[in-house]
């Protein structure tokens, strides 16, 4: 194999030194962003290696856009612009309170999910009878909201919020992501679940397409950043208005009410660390108190841990008090989720 030519280190862009207010006035197309030499490129290489290890020749093309998505009919993945540069990630966090996909583990979870959509498009899998029998018709209307069944074992769990229940295409993408994840041990983990049949269907479909070129190979880029004339200020005005409608904001608000965004003292414990340490005991207690399946409570606890970690929250006061309020919050969220609907955020 010939040696590759060393890449020259890029100079930091001039806008990296701007304040948030100044940065927001820039247009996307003026940022000069690229997947090359970024955290995104490294994640893409890892995804391609995971596909290669499974004998799948397909490689989804990746481009920068405003949000995560994989368009219908296009075998590729749009990745949000803010992941292309640390300065933009800081801006995203300052405005939205989190960076979706901002660490390697989270990034790969979303990327595998999106790869499921892209592969579905590349091989036209949704047209196959086995796909439709397992997941339902892809033509089903995309809902604005969906009522999740936290205790259902007919769906895998990958991104959280019982996302596989939103739509047949999301069910497939989530199932594919679990199947693709290295060392996921899905046969053992889901052995007693009806969802294992969907995982087996994915396994069978991947055997059918293994080492075969994809029929759909177009490299279309939908809404790419380099031609987007919208300013970052316009983008965030739309995004914040939209996200305020989602239930996740309610969960975040409750977590931030109980815990602290700033470290109150040097020895303060992260909220996610405390929740993990008391996860089993809290889930057992709340499950018994509310008379609900422990599994349903565990999934909501996982959401609390994930959101506390994403928001980088710390406990206030003593550990004992923090455990007490954590139980109260878990009971409250379990009650709300068991009665209400989950907002649908397309990925």
C-alpha atoms as a PDB file:
ATOM      1  CA  UNK A   1       0.000   0.000   0.000  1.00  0.00           C
ATOM      2  CA  UNK A   2       1.525   3.374  -0.985  1.00  0.00           C
ATOM      3  CA  UNK A   3       2.245   5.846   1.769  1.00  0.00           C
ATOM      4  CA  UNK A   4      -0.303   8.637   2.036  1.00  0.00           C
ATOM      5  CA  UNK A   5       0.800  12.222   1.703  1.00  0.00           C
ATOM      6  CA  UNK A   6       0.968  13.946   5.099  1.00  0.00           C
ATOM      7  CA  UNK A   7      -1.758  16.513   5.578  1.00  0.00           C
ATOM      8  CA  UNK A   8      -0.790  20.034   6.443  1.00  0.00           C
ATOM      9  CA  UNK A   9      -2.303  21.372   9.635  1.00  0.00           C
ATOM     10  CA  UNK A  10      -5.035  23.875   8.915  1.00  0.00           C
ATOM     11  CA  UNK A  11      -4.866  27.306  10.454  1.00  0.00           C
ATOM     12  CA  UNK A  12      -7.707  28.125  12.841  1.00  0.00           C
ATOM     13  CA  UNK A  13     -10.368  30.124  11.005  1.00  0.00           C
ATOM     14  CA  UNK A  14     -10.548  33.812  11.831  1.00  0.00           C
ATOM     15  CA  UNK A  15     -14.127  33.452  13.078  1.00  0.00           C
ATOM     16  CA  UNK A  16     -12.963  31.065  15.839  1.00  0.00           C
ATOM     17  CA  UNK A  17     -11.855  34.132  17.820  1.00  0.00           C
ATOM     18  CA  UNK A  18     -15.175  35.962  17.483  1.00  0.00           C
ATOM     19  CA  UNK A  19     -17.637  36.397  20.327  1.00  0.00           C
ATOM     20  CA  UNK A  20     -20.928  34.516  20.212  1.00  0.00           C
ATOM     21  CA  UNK A  21     -22.735  37.672  19.142  1.00  0.00           C
ATOM     22  CA  UNK A  22     -20.310  38.266  16.274  1.00  0.00           C
ATOM     23  CA  UNK A  23     -20.307  34.623  15.212  1.00  0.00           C
ATOM     24  CA  UNK A  24     -24.086  34.546  14.993  1.00  0.00           C
ATOM     25  CA  UNK A  25     -24.018  37.208  12.296  1.00  0.00           C
ATOM     26  CA  UNK A  26     -22.079  34.995   9.877  1.00  0.00           C
ATOM     27  CA  UNK A  27     -23.700  32.963   7.126  1.00  0.00           C
ATOM     28  CA  UNK A  28     -23.177  29.211   6.978  1.00  0.00           C
ATOM     29  CA  UNK A  29     -21.667  29.417   3.516  1.00  0.00           C
ATOM     30  CA  UNK A  30     -18.983  31.822   4.785  1.00  0.00           C
ATOM     31  CA  UNK A  31     -17.654  29.471   7.470  1.00  0.00           C
ATOM     32  CA  UNK A  32     -15.610  27.332   5.085  1.00  0.00           C
ATOM     33  CA  UNK A  33     -16.396  24.147   7.003  1.00  0.00           C
ATOM     34  CA  UNK A  34     -15.303  20.674   5.940  1.00  0.00           C
ATOM     35  CA  UNK A  35     -15.676  17.109   7.164  1.00  0.00           C
ATOM     36  CA  UNK A  36     -11.978  16.620   6.423  1.00  0.00           C
ATOM     37  CA  UNK A  37      -9.613  16.570   9.414  1.00  0.00           C
ATOM     38  CA  UNK A  38     -12.490  16.754  11.877  1.00  0.00           C
ATOM     39  CA  UNK A  39     -14.069  14.648  14.611  1.00  0.00           C
ATOM     40  CA  UNK A  40     -16.675  13.743  11.965  1.00  0.00           C
ATOM     41  CA  UNK A  41     -14.120  12.245   9.593  1.00  0.00           C
ATOM     42  CA  UNK A  42     -12.688  10.069  12.343  1.00  0.00           C
ATOM     43  CA  UNK A  43     -16.184   8.837  13.237  1.00  0.00           C
ATOM     44  CA  UNK A  44     -16.953   8.142   9.575  1.00  0.00           C
ATOM     45  CA  UNK A  45     -13.823   6.018   9.260  1.00  0.00           C
ATOM     46  CA  UNK A  46     -14.880   4.061  12.325  1.00  0.00           C
ATOM     47  CA  UNK A  47     -18.359   3.522  10.838  1.00  0.00           C
ATOM     48  CA  UNK A  48     -16.863   2.338   7.541  1.00  0.00           C
ATOM     49  CA  UNK A  49     -14.652  -0.104   9.422  1.00  0.00           C
ATOM     50  CA  UNK A  50     -17.658  -1.478  11.303  1.00  0.00           C
ATOM     51  CA  UNK A  51     -19.514  -1.969   8.008  1.00  0.00           C
ATOM     52  CA  UNK A  52     -16.449  -3.595   6.419  1.00  0.00           C
ATOM     53  CA  UNK A  53     -16.143  -5.987   9.383  1.00  0.00           C
ATOM     54  CA  UNK A  54     -19.725  -7.081   8.687  1.00  0.00           C
ATOM     55  CA  UNK A  55     -18.964  -7.647   5.001  1.00  0.00           C
ATOM     56  CA  UNK A  56     -21.078  -4.677   3.869  1.00  0.00           C
ATOM     57  CA  UNK A  57     -19.553  -2.859   0.897  1.00  0.00           C
ATOM     58  CA  UNK A  58     -21.846   0.148   1.148  1.00  0.00           C
ATOM     59  CA  UNK A  59     -20.300   3.388   2.446  1.00  0.00           C
ATOM     60  CA  UNK A  60     -22.750   6.269   3.030  1.00  0.00           C
ATOM     61  CA  UNK A  61     -21.464   9.647   1.933  1.00  0.00           C
ATOM     62  CA  UNK A  62     -21.441  12.305   4.625  1.00  0.00           C
ATOM     63  CA  UNK A  63     -21.912  16.056   4.369  1.00  0.00           C
ATOM     64  CA  UNK A  64     -22.484  19.007   6.676  1.00  0.00           C
ATOM     65  CA  UNK A  65     -25.953  20.470   7.174  1.00  0.00           C
ATOM     66  CA  UNK A  66     -27.848  22.276   9.911  1.00  0.00           C
ATOM     67  CA  UNK A  67     -29.060  19.097  11.631  1.00  0.00           C
ATOM     68  CA  UNK A  68     -28.723  15.325  11.700  1.00  0.00           C
ATOM     69  CA  UNK A  69     -30.792  13.585   8.999  1.00  0.00           C
ATOM     70  CA  UNK A  70     -30.759  11.002   6.224  1.00  0.00           C
ATOM     71  CA  UNK A  71     -33.167  11.988   3.430  1.00  0.00           C
ATOM     72  CA  UNK A  72     -35.564   9.460   1.919  1.00  0.00           C
ATOM     73  CA  UNK A  73     -34.087   8.014  -1.259  1.00  0.00           C
ATOM     74  CA  UNK A  74     -30.567   9.304  -0.580  1.00  0.00           C
ATOM     75  CA  UNK A  75     -27.956   6.790   0.697  1.00  0.00           C
ATOM     76  CA  UNK A  76     -26.081   9.363   2.745  1.00  0.00           C
ATOM     77  CA  UNK A  77     -25.951  11.149   6.084  1.00  0.00           C
ATOM     78  CA  UNK A  78     -26.128  14.848   6.952  1.00  0.00           C
ATOM     79  CA  UNK A  79     -24.159  15.735  10.083  1.00  0.00           C
ATOM     80  CA  UNK A  80     -24.699  19.024  11.967  1.00  0.00           C
ATOM     81  CA  UNK A  81     -22.195  21.773  11.243  1.00  0.00           C
ATOM     82  CA  UNK A  82     -21.283  22.407  14.879  1.00  0.00           C
ATOM     83  CA  UNK A  83     -19.469  19.058  15.054  1.00  0.00           C
ATOM     84  CA  UNK A  84     -16.958  20.268  12.459  1.00  0.00           C
ATOM     85  CA  UNK A  85     -15.212  22.725  14.800  1.00  0.00           C
ATOM     86  CA  UNK A  86     -14.869  23.075  18.606  1.00  0.00           C
ATOM     87  CA  UNK A  87     -15.785  26.774  18.502  1.00  0.00           C
ATOM     88  CA  UNK A  88     -19.122  25.985  16.886  1.00  0.00           C
ATOM     89  CA  UNK A  89     -19.721  23.187  19.391  1.00  0.00           C
ATOM     90  CA  UNK A  90     -19.245  25.712  22.209  1.00  0.00           C
ATOM     91  CA  UNK A  91     -21.750  28.029  20.560  1.00  0.00           C
ATOM     92  CA  UNK A  92     -24.232  25.168  20.245  1.00  0.00           C
ATOM     93  CA  UNK A  93     -23.831  24.300  23.920  1.00  0.00           C
ATOM     94  CA  UNK A  94     -24.196  27.901  25.058  1.00  0.00           C
ATOM     95  CA  UNK A  95     -27.467  28.290  23.163  1.00  0.00           C
ATOM     96  CA  UNK A  96     -29.024  24.821  23.245  1.00  0.00           C
ATOM     97  CA  UNK A  97     -27.558  23.554  26.514  1.00  0.00           C
ATOM     98  CA  UNK A  98     -26.027  20.489  24.871  1.00  0.00           C
ATOM     99  CA  UNK A  99     -24.111  19.306  21.794  1.00  0.00           C
ATOM    100  CA  UNK A 100     -26.019  16.415  20.254  1.00  0.00           C
ATOM    101  CA  UNK A 101     -23.363  13.899  19.279  1.00  0.00           C
ATOM    102  CA  UNK A 102     -20.718  15.977  21.039  1.00  0.00           C
ATOM    103  CA  UNK A 103     -18.722  13.073  22.440  1.00  0.00           C
ATOM    104  CA  UNK A 104     -17.429   9.993  20.622  1.00  0.00           C
ATOM    105  CA  UNK A 105     -19.883   7.527  22.166  1.00  0.00           C
ATOM    106  CA  UNK A 106     -22.929   9.683  21.496  1.00  0.00           C
ATOM    107  CA  UNK A 107     -21.699  10.573  17.992  1.00  0.00           C
ATOM    108  CA  UNK A 108     -21.306   6.925  17.015  1.00  0.00           C
ATOM    109  CA  UNK A 109     -24.733   5.990  18.385  1.00  0.00           C
ATOM    110  CA  UNK A 110     -26.403   8.583  16.160  1.00  0.00           C
ATOM    111  CA  UNK A 111     -24.149   7.799  13.190  1.00  0.00           C
ATOM    112  CA  UNK A 112     -25.044   4.094  13.315  1.00  0.00           C
ATOM    113  CA  UNK A 113     -28.734   5.005  13.445  1.00  0.00           C
ATOM    114  CA  UNK A 114     -28.372   7.282  10.415  1.00  0.00           C
ATOM    115  CA  UNK A 115     -26.370   4.589   8.619  1.00  0.00           C
ATOM    116  CA  UNK A 116     -29.424   2.346   9.002  1.00  0.00           C
ATOM    117  CA  UNK A 117     -31.547   4.899   7.120  1.00  0.00           C
ATOM    118  CA  UNK A 118     -28.863   5.340   4.451  1.00  0.00           C
ATOM    119  CA  UNK A 119     -28.459   1.597   3.957  1.00  0.00           C
ATOM    120  CA  UNK A 120     -32.232   1.183   3.738  1.00  0.00           C
ATOM    121  CA  UNK A 121     -32.196   3.733   0.902  1.00  0.00           C
ATOM    122  CA  UNK A 122     -29.118   2.257  -0.778  1.00  0.00           C
ATOM    123  CA  UNK A 123     -30.551  -1.268  -1.059  1.00  0.00           C
ATOM    124  CA  UNK A 124     -34.244  -0.317  -1.169  1.00  0.00           C
ATOM    125  CA  UNK A 125     -34.826  -2.641   1.764  1.00  0.00           C
ATOM    126  CA  UNK A 126     -38.226  -1.215   2.694  1.00  0.00           C
ATOM    127  CA  UNK A 127     -39.615  -2.672  -0.532  1.00  0.00           C
ATOM    128  CA  UNK A 128     -38.871  -6.212   0.635  1.00  0.00           C
ATOM    129  CA  UNK A 129     -41.638  -8.308   2.094  1.00  0.00           C
ATOM    130  CA  UNK A 130     -39.614  -9.372   5.150  1.00  0.00           C
ATOM    131  CA  UNK A 131     -38.832  -5.732   5.973  1.00  0.00           C
ATOM    132  CA  UNK A 132     -42.512  -4.761   5.815  1.00  0.00           C
ATOM    133  CA  UNK A 133     -43.625  -7.777   7.818  1.00  0.00           C
ATOM    134  CA  UNK A 134     -41.117  -7.027  10.584  1.00  0.00           C
ATOM    135  CA  UNK A 135     -41.324  -3.234  10.801  1.00  0.00           C
ATOM    136  CA  UNK A 136     -44.543  -2.204   9.031  1.00  0.00           C
ATOM    137  CA  UNK A 137     -45.129  -0.034   5.960  1.00  0.00           C
ATOM    138  CA  UNK A 138     -42.589   2.738   5.439  1.00  0.00           C
ATOM    139  CA  UNK A 139     -45.374   4.733   3.774  1.00  0.00           C
ATOM    140  CA  UNK A 140     -47.094   5.229   7.114  1.00  0.00           C
ATOM    141  CA  UNK A 141     -47.520   8.917   7.913  1.00  0.00           C
ATOM    142  CA  UNK A 142     -44.674  10.406   9.916  1.00  0.00           C
ATOM    143  CA  UNK A 143     -46.163  11.571  13.241  1.00  0.00           C
ATOM    144  CA  UNK A 144     -45.490  14.863  14.959  1.00  0.00           C
ATOM    145  CA  UNK A 145     -45.873  13.031  18.258  1.00  0.00           C
ATOM    146  CA  UNK A 146     -46.041   9.402  19.253  1.00  0.00           C
ATOM    147  CA  UNK A 147     -47.296   7.660  22.348  1.00  0.00           C
ATOM    148  CA  UNK A 148     -44.463   5.542  23.674  1.00  0.00           C
ATOM    149  CA  UNK A 149     -44.998   2.278  25.513  1.00  0.00           C
ATOM    150  CA  UNK A 150     -42.032   2.197  27.908  1.00  0.00           C
ATOM    151  CA  UNK A 151     -42.638  -1.407  28.926  1.00  0.00           C
ATOM    152  CA  UNK A 152     -42.882  -2.823  25.393  1.00  0.00           C
ATOM    153  CA  UNK A 153     -40.276  -5.383  24.437  1.00  0.00           C
ATOM    154  CA  UNK A 154     -41.195  -5.393  20.775  1.00  0.00           C
ATOM    155  CA  UNK A 155     -38.637  -2.661  20.102  1.00  0.00           C
ATOM    156  CA  UNK A 156     -34.915  -2.337  20.712  1.00  0.00           C
ATOM    157  CA  UNK A 157     -33.446   0.577  22.650  1.00  0.00           C
ATOM    158  CA  UNK A 158     -30.577   2.554  21.199  1.00  0.00           C
ATOM    159  CA  UNK A 159     -31.013   6.350  21.150  1.00  0.00           C
ATOM    160  CA  UNK A 160     -33.438   6.579  24.062  1.00  0.00           C
ATOM    161  CA  UNK A 161     -36.967   8.005  24.338  1.00  0.00           C
ATOM    162  CA  UNK A 162     -38.214   4.670  22.888  1.00  0.00           C
ATOM    163  CA  UNK A 163     -37.388   6.113  19.492  1.00  0.00           C
ATOM    164  CA  UNK A 164     -37.955   2.868  17.598  1.00  0.00           C
ATOM    165  CA  UNK A 165     -41.673   3.234  18.361  1.00  0.00           C
ATOM    166  CA  UNK A 166     -41.979   6.477  16.386  1.00  0.00           C
ATOM    167  CA  UNK A 167     -42.229   5.037  12.858  1.00  0.00           C
ATOM    168  CA  UNK A 168     -41.350   1.839  10.929  1.00  0.00           C
ATOM    169  CA  UNK A 169     -38.274   3.466   9.376  1.00  0.00           C
ATOM    170  CA  UNK A 170     -37.043   4.536  12.811  1.00  0.00           C
ATOM    171  CA  UNK A 171     -37.720   1.035  14.108  1.00  0.00           C
ATOM    172  CA  UNK A 172     -35.493  -0.372  11.372  1.00  0.00           C
ATOM    173  CA  UNK A 173     -32.746   2.237  11.891  1.00  0.00           C
ATOM    174  CA  UNK A 174     -32.668   1.615  15.643  1.00  0.00           C
ATOM    175  CA  UNK A 175     -32.635  -2.154  15.145  1.00  0.00           C
ATOM    176  CA  UNK A 176     -29.845  -1.887  12.579  1.00  0.00           C
ATOM    177  CA  UNK A 177     -27.802   0.312  14.931  1.00  0.00           C
ATOM    178  CA  UNK A 178     -28.070  -2.282  17.718  1.00  0.00           C
ATOM    179  CA  UNK A 179     -27.097  -5.023  15.246  1.00  0.00           C
ATOM    180  CA  UNK A 180     -24.091  -3.046  13.951  1.00  0.00           C
ATOM    181  CA  UNK A 181     -22.696  -1.892  17.310  1.00  0.00           C
ATOM    182  CA  UNK A 182     -19.544  -3.901  18.090  1.00  0.00           C
ATOM    183  CA  UNK A 183     -19.890  -6.257  21.067  1.00  0.00           C
ATOM    184  CA  UNK A 184     -23.583  -5.409  21.504  1.00  0.00           C
ATOM    185  CA  UNK A 185     -24.380  -9.077  22.235  1.00  0.00           C
ATOM    186  CA  UNK A 186     -27.877  -8.510  20.907  1.00  0.00           C
ATOM    187  CA  UNK A 187     -28.720 -12.213  20.775  1.00  0.00           C
ATOM    188  CA  UNK A 188     -28.164 -12.498  24.522  1.00  0.00           C
ATOM    189  CA  UNK A 189     -29.531  -9.100  25.555  1.00  0.00           C
ATOM    190  CA  UNK A 190     -32.789  -9.457  23.603  1.00  0.00           C
ATOM    191  CA  UNK A 191     -33.113 -13.240  23.815  1.00  0.00           C
ATOM    192  CA  UNK A 192     -36.418 -13.104  25.722  1.00  0.00           C
ATOM    193  CA  UNK A 193     -37.854 -10.156  23.815  1.00  0.00           C
ATOM    194  CA  UNK A 194     -40.115 -10.239  20.725  1.00  0.00           C
ATOM    195  CA  UNK A 195     -37.709  -7.576  19.343  1.00  0.00           C
ATOM    196  CA  UNK A 196     -35.140 -10.313  18.768  1.00  0.00           C
ATOM    197  CA  UNK A 197     -37.124 -11.376  15.703  1.00  0.00           C
ATOM    198  CA  UNK A 198     -36.560  -7.947  14.162  1.00  0.00           C
ATOM    199  CA  UNK A 199     -32.849  -8.201  14.896  1.00  0.00           C
ATOM    200  CA  UNK A 200     -32.814 -11.582  13.183  1.00  0.00           C
ATOM    201  CA  UNK A 201     -34.554 -10.066  10.150  1.00  0.00           C
ATOM    202  CA  UNK A 202     -31.866  -7.366  10.005  1.00  0.00           C
ATOM    203  CA  UNK A 203     -29.199 -10.050  10.286  1.00  0.00           C
ATOM    204  CA  UNK A 204     -30.800 -11.990   7.420  1.00  0.00           C
ATOM    205  CA  UNK A 205     -31.155  -8.872   5.247  1.00  0.00           C
ATOM    206  CA  UNK A 206     -27.518  -7.955   5.819  1.00  0.00           C
ATOM    207  CA  UNK A 207     -26.509 -11.487   4.796  1.00  0.00           C
ATOM    208  CA  UNK A 208     -28.435 -10.984   1.548  1.00  0.00           C
ATOM    209  CA  UNK A 209     -26.708  -7.693   0.682  1.00  0.00           C
ATOM    210  CA  UNK A 210     -23.272  -8.677   1.978  1.00  0.00           C
ATOM    211  CA  UNK A 211     -20.509  -8.061  -0.575  1.00  0.00           C
ATOM    212  CA  UNK A 212     -23.069  -6.727  -3.057  1.00  0.00           C
ATOM    213  CA  UNK A 213     -22.868  -3.215  -4.521  1.00  0.00           C
ATOM    214  CA  UNK A 214     -25.740  -0.923  -3.612  1.00  0.00           C
ATOM    215  CA  UNK A 215     -28.317  -0.362  -6.385  1.00  0.00           C
ATOM    216  CA  UNK A 216     -28.766   3.297  -5.335  1.00  0.00           C
ATOM    217  CA  UNK A 217     -25.445   5.142  -5.476  1.00  0.00           C
ATOM    218  CA  UNK A 218     -26.386   8.790  -5.933  1.00  0.00           C
ATOM    219  CA  UNK A 219     -24.254  11.275  -3.987  1.00  0.00           C
ATOM    220  CA  UNK A 220     -26.876  13.979  -3.591  1.00  0.00           C
ATOM    221  CA  UNK A 221     -26.351  16.394  -0.692  1.00  0.00           C
ATOM    222  CA  UNK A 222     -29.542  17.894   0.700  1.00  0.00           C
ATOM    223  CA  UNK A 223     -29.306  21.410   2.199  1.00  0.00           C
ATOM    224  CA  UNK A 224     -25.495  21.435   2.463  1.00  0.00           C
ATOM    225  CA  UNK A 225     -23.824  24.100   4.577  1.00  0.00           C
ATOM    226  CA  UNK A 226     -21.553  25.385   1.813  1.00  0.00           C
ATOM    227  CA  UNK A 227     -24.530  26.722  -0.174  1.00  0.00           C
ATOM    228  CA  UNK A 228     -26.636  27.793   2.809  1.00  0.00           C
ATOM    229  CA  UNK A 229     -27.009  31.591   2.992  1.00  0.00           C
ATOM    230  CA  UNK A 230     -28.860  31.615   6.294  1.00  0.00           C
ATOM    231  CA  UNK A 231     -27.042  33.213   9.240  1.00  0.00           C
ATOM    232  CA  UNK A 232     -26.334  31.301  12.413  1.00  0.00           C
ATOM    233  CA  UNK A 233     -28.632  33.732  14.239  1.00  0.00           C
ATOM    234  CA  UNK A 234     -31.516  32.814  11.934  1.00  0.00           C
ATOM    235  CA  UNK A 235     -30.769  29.124  12.426  1.00  0.00           C
ATOM    236  CA  UNK A 236     -30.793  29.319  16.217  1.00  0.00           C
ATOM    237  CA  UNK A 237     -33.947  31.424  16.346  1.00  0.00           C
ATOM    238  CA  UNK A 238     -35.764  28.670  14.472  1.00  0.00           C
ATOM    239  CA  UNK A 239     -34.127  25.864  16.406  1.00  0.00           C
ATOM    240  CA  UNK A 240     -34.781  27.241  19.881  1.00  0.00           C
ATOM    241  CA  UNK A 241     -38.421  27.949  19.010  1.00  0.00           C
ATOM    242  CA  UNK A 242     -38.838  24.382  17.794  1.00  0.00           C
ATOM    243  CA  UNK A 243     -37.090  22.672  20.671  1.00  0.00           C
ATOM    244  CA  UNK A 244     -39.062  24.514  23.314  1.00  0.00           C
ATOM    245  CA  UNK A 245     -42.056  22.472  22.152  1.00  0.00           C
ATOM    246  CA  UNK A 246     -40.451  19.153  22.941  1.00  0.00           C
ATOM    247  CA  UNK A 247     -40.960  17.243  26.132  1.00  0.00           C
ATOM    248  CA  UNK A 248     -37.207  16.816  26.473  1.00  0.00           C
ATOM    249  CA  UNK A 249     -37.094  20.465  27.498  1.00  0.00           C
ATOM    250  CA  UNK A 250     -39.425  19.604  30.368  1.00  0.00           C
ATOM    251  CA  UNK A 251     -37.119  16.799  31.499  1.00  0.00           C
ATOM    252  CA  UNK A 252     -34.109  19.099  31.218  1.00  0.00           C
ATOM    253  CA  UNK A 253     -35.897  21.854  33.120  1.00  0.00           C
ATOM    254  CA  UNK A 254     -36.770  19.500  35.966  1.00  0.00           C
ATOM    255  CA  UNK A 255     -33.216  18.162  36.135  1.00  0.00           C
ATOM    256  CA  UNK A 256     -31.780  21.685  36.158  1.00  0.00           C
ATOM    257  CA  UNK A 257     -34.225  22.671  38.876  1.00  0.00           C
ATOM    258  CA  UNK A 258     -33.004  19.845  41.107  1.00  0.00           C
ATOM    259  CA  UNK A 259     -29.335  19.895  40.155  1.00  0.00           C
ATOM    260  CA  UNK A 260     -26.807  22.592  39.294  1.00  0.00           C
ATOM    261  CA  UNK A 261     -25.317  23.605  35.937  1.00  0.00           C
ATOM    262  CA  UNK A 262     -22.325  25.048  37.773  1.00  0.00           C
ATOM    263  CA  UNK A 263     -20.058  23.185  40.149  1.00  0.00           C
ATOM    264  CA  UNK A 264     -21.154  24.456  43.603  1.00  0.00           C
ATOM    265  CA  UNK A 265     -17.928  23.313  45.285  1.00  0.00           C
ATOM    266  CA  UNK A 266     -14.720  21.495  44.376  1.00  0.00           C
ATOM    267  CA  UNK A 267     -15.833  18.122  45.722  1.00  0.00           C
ATOM    268  CA  UNK A 268     -19.306  18.285  44.176  1.00  0.00           C
ATOM    269  CA  UNK A 269     -20.440  15.034  42.557  1.00  0.00           C
ATOM    270  CA  UNK A 270     -21.837  14.915  39.039  1.00  0.00           C
ATOM    271  CA  UNK A 271     -25.551  14.134  38.989  1.00  0.00           C
ATOM    272  CA  UNK A 272     -25.056  11.382  36.389  1.00  0.00           C
ATOM    273  CA  UNK A 273     -22.485   9.695  38.643  1.00  0.00           C
ATOM    274  CA  UNK A 274     -24.853   9.696  41.613  1.00  0.00           C
ATOM    275  CA  UNK A 275     -27.765   8.413  39.516  1.00  0.00           C
ATOM    276  CA  UNK A 276     -25.677   5.554  38.164  1.00  0.00           C
ATOM    277  CA  UNK A 277     -24.534   4.605  41.664  1.00  0.00           C
ATOM    278  CA  UNK A 278     -28.124   4.423  42.983  1.00  0.00           C
ATOM    279  CA  UNK A 279     -29.793   3.325  39.751  1.00  0.00           C
ATOM    280  CA  UNK A 280     -30.827  -0.162  40.807  1.00  0.00           C
ATOM    281  CA  UNK A 281     -32.155   0.793  44.244  1.00  0.00           C
ATOM    282  CA  UNK A 282     -34.149   3.749  42.901  1.00  0.00           C
ATOM    283  CA  UNK A 283     -35.676   1.717  40.073  1.00  0.00           C
ATOM    284  CA  UNK A 284     -36.722  -1.080  42.436  1.00  0.00           C
ATOM    285  CA  UNK A 285     -38.289   1.386  44.877  1.00  0.00           C
ATOM    286  CA  UNK A 286     -40.187   3.372  42.246  1.00  0.00           C
ATOM    287  CA  UNK A 287     -41.347   0.269  40.412  1.00  0.00           C
ATOM    288  CA  UNK A 288     -42.771  -1.101  43.662  1.00  0.00           C
ATOM    289  CA  UNK A 289     -44.300   2.255  44.650  1.00  0.00           C
ATOM    290  CA  UNK A 290     -46.097   2.823  41.322  1.00  0.00           C
ATOM    291  CA  UNK A 291     -46.837  -0.806  40.513  1.00  0.00           C
ATOM    292  CA  UNK A 292     -45.186  -0.546  37.091  1.00  0.00           C
ATOM    293  CA  UNK A 293     -42.759  -2.946  35.370  1.00  0.00           C
ATOM    294  CA  UNK A 294     -39.201  -2.368  36.518  1.00  0.00           C
ATOM    295  CA  UNK A 295     -38.031  -2.247  32.923  1.00  0.00           C
ATOM    296  CA  UNK A 296     -40.185   0.830  32.206  1.00  0.00           C
ATOM    297  CA  UNK A 297     -38.674   2.605  35.205  1.00  0.00           C
ATOM    298  CA  UNK A 298     -35.142   1.619  34.172  1.00  0.00           C
ATOM    299  CA  UNK A 299     -35.561   3.177  30.732  1.00  0.00           C
ATOM    300  CA  UNK A 300     -36.670   6.486  32.239  1.00  0.00           C
ATOM    301  CA  UNK A 301     -33.770   6.355  34.672  1.00  0.00           C
ATOM    302  CA  UNK A 302     -31.444   5.910  31.709  1.00  0.00           C
ATOM    303  CA  UNK A 303     -32.934   9.045  30.152  1.00  0.00           C
ATOM    304  CA  UNK A 304     -32.292  10.959  33.385  1.00  0.00           C
ATOM    305  CA  UNK A 305     -28.681   9.779  33.430  1.00  0.00           C
ATOM    306  CA  UNK A 306     -28.092  10.591  29.766  1.00  0.00           C
ATOM    307  CA  UNK A 307     -29.608  14.073  30.068  1.00  0.00           C
ATOM    308  CA  UNK A 308     -27.750  14.815  33.321  1.00  0.00           C
ATOM    309  CA  UNK A 309     -24.523  13.819  31.619  1.00  0.00           C
ATOM    310  CA  UNK A 310     -25.249  15.878  28.495  1.00  0.00           C
ATOM    311  CA  UNK A 311     -26.076  18.947  30.596  1.00  0.00           C
ATOM    312  CA  UNK A 312     -23.052  18.370  32.879  1.00  0.00           C
ATOM    313  CA  UNK A 313     -25.112  18.754  36.046  1.00  0.00           C
ATOM    314  CA  UNK A 314     -23.852  18.564  39.654  1.00  0.00           C
ATOM    315  CA  UNK A 315     -25.705  17.691  42.846  1.00  0.00           C
ATOM    316  CA  UNK A 316     -26.518  20.366  45.395  1.00  0.00           C
ATOM    317  CA  UNK A 317     -26.167  19.691  49.095  1.00  0.00           C
ATOM    318  CA  UNK A 318     -25.557  16.209  50.468  1.00  0.00           C
ATOM    319  CA  UNK A 319     -25.652  12.892  48.622  1.00  0.00           C
ATOM    320  CA  UNK A 320     -28.508  11.775  50.866  1.00  0.00           C
ATOM    321  CA  UNK A 321     -30.648  14.745  49.857  1.00  0.00           C
ATOM    322  CA  UNK A 322     -29.723  14.259  46.210  1.00  0.00           C
ATOM    323  CA  UNK A 323     -30.836  10.622  46.300  1.00  0.00           C
ATOM    324  CA  UNK A 324     -34.123  11.675  47.887  1.00  0.00           C
ATOM    325  CA  UNK A 325     -34.928  14.283  45.212  1.00  0.00           C
ATOM    326  CA  UNK A 326     -33.779  11.882  42.486  1.00  0.00           C
ATOM    327  CA  UNK A 327     -36.383   9.369  43.613  1.00  0.00           C
ATOM    328  CA  UNK A 328     -39.061  12.068  43.594  1.00  0.00           C
ATOM    329  CA  UNK A 329     -38.095  13.091  40.064  1.00  0.00           C
ATOM    330  CA  UNK A 330     -38.006   9.500  38.817  1.00  0.00           C
ATOM    331  CA  UNK A 331     -41.497   8.885  40.201  1.00  0.00           C
ATOM    332  CA  UNK A 332     -42.745  12.074  38.570  1.00  0.00           C
ATOM    333  CA  UNK A 333     -41.271  11.283  35.143  1.00  0.00           C
ATOM    334  CA  UNK A 334     -42.472   7.679  35.195  1.00  0.00           C
ATOM    335  CA  UNK A 335     -45.995   8.911  35.922  1.00  0.00           C
ATOM    336  CA  UNK A 336     -45.863  11.513  33.153  1.00  0.00           C
ATOM    337  CA  UNK A 337     -44.412   9.195  30.535  1.00  0.00           C
ATOM    338  CA  UNK A 338     -46.848   6.400  31.345  1.00  0.00           C
ATOM    339  CA  UNK A 339     -49.767   8.759  30.683  1.00  0.00           C
ATOM    340  CA  UNK A 340     -48.591  11.107  27.953  1.00  0.00           C
ATOM    341  CA  UNK A 341     -47.031  11.222  24.513  1.00  0.00           C
ATOM    342  CA  UNK A 342     -43.424  11.524  23.406  1.00  0.00           C
ATOM    343  CA  UNK A 343     -42.582  14.271  20.882  1.00  0.00           C
ATOM    344  CA  UNK A 344     -41.115  12.994  17.632  1.00  0.00           C
ATOM    345  CA  UNK A 345     -37.735  14.461  16.692  1.00  0.00           C
ATOM    346  CA  UNK A 346     -36.798  13.008  13.263  1.00  0.00           C
ATOM    347  CA  UNK A 347     -33.277  11.568  13.007  1.00  0.00           C
END
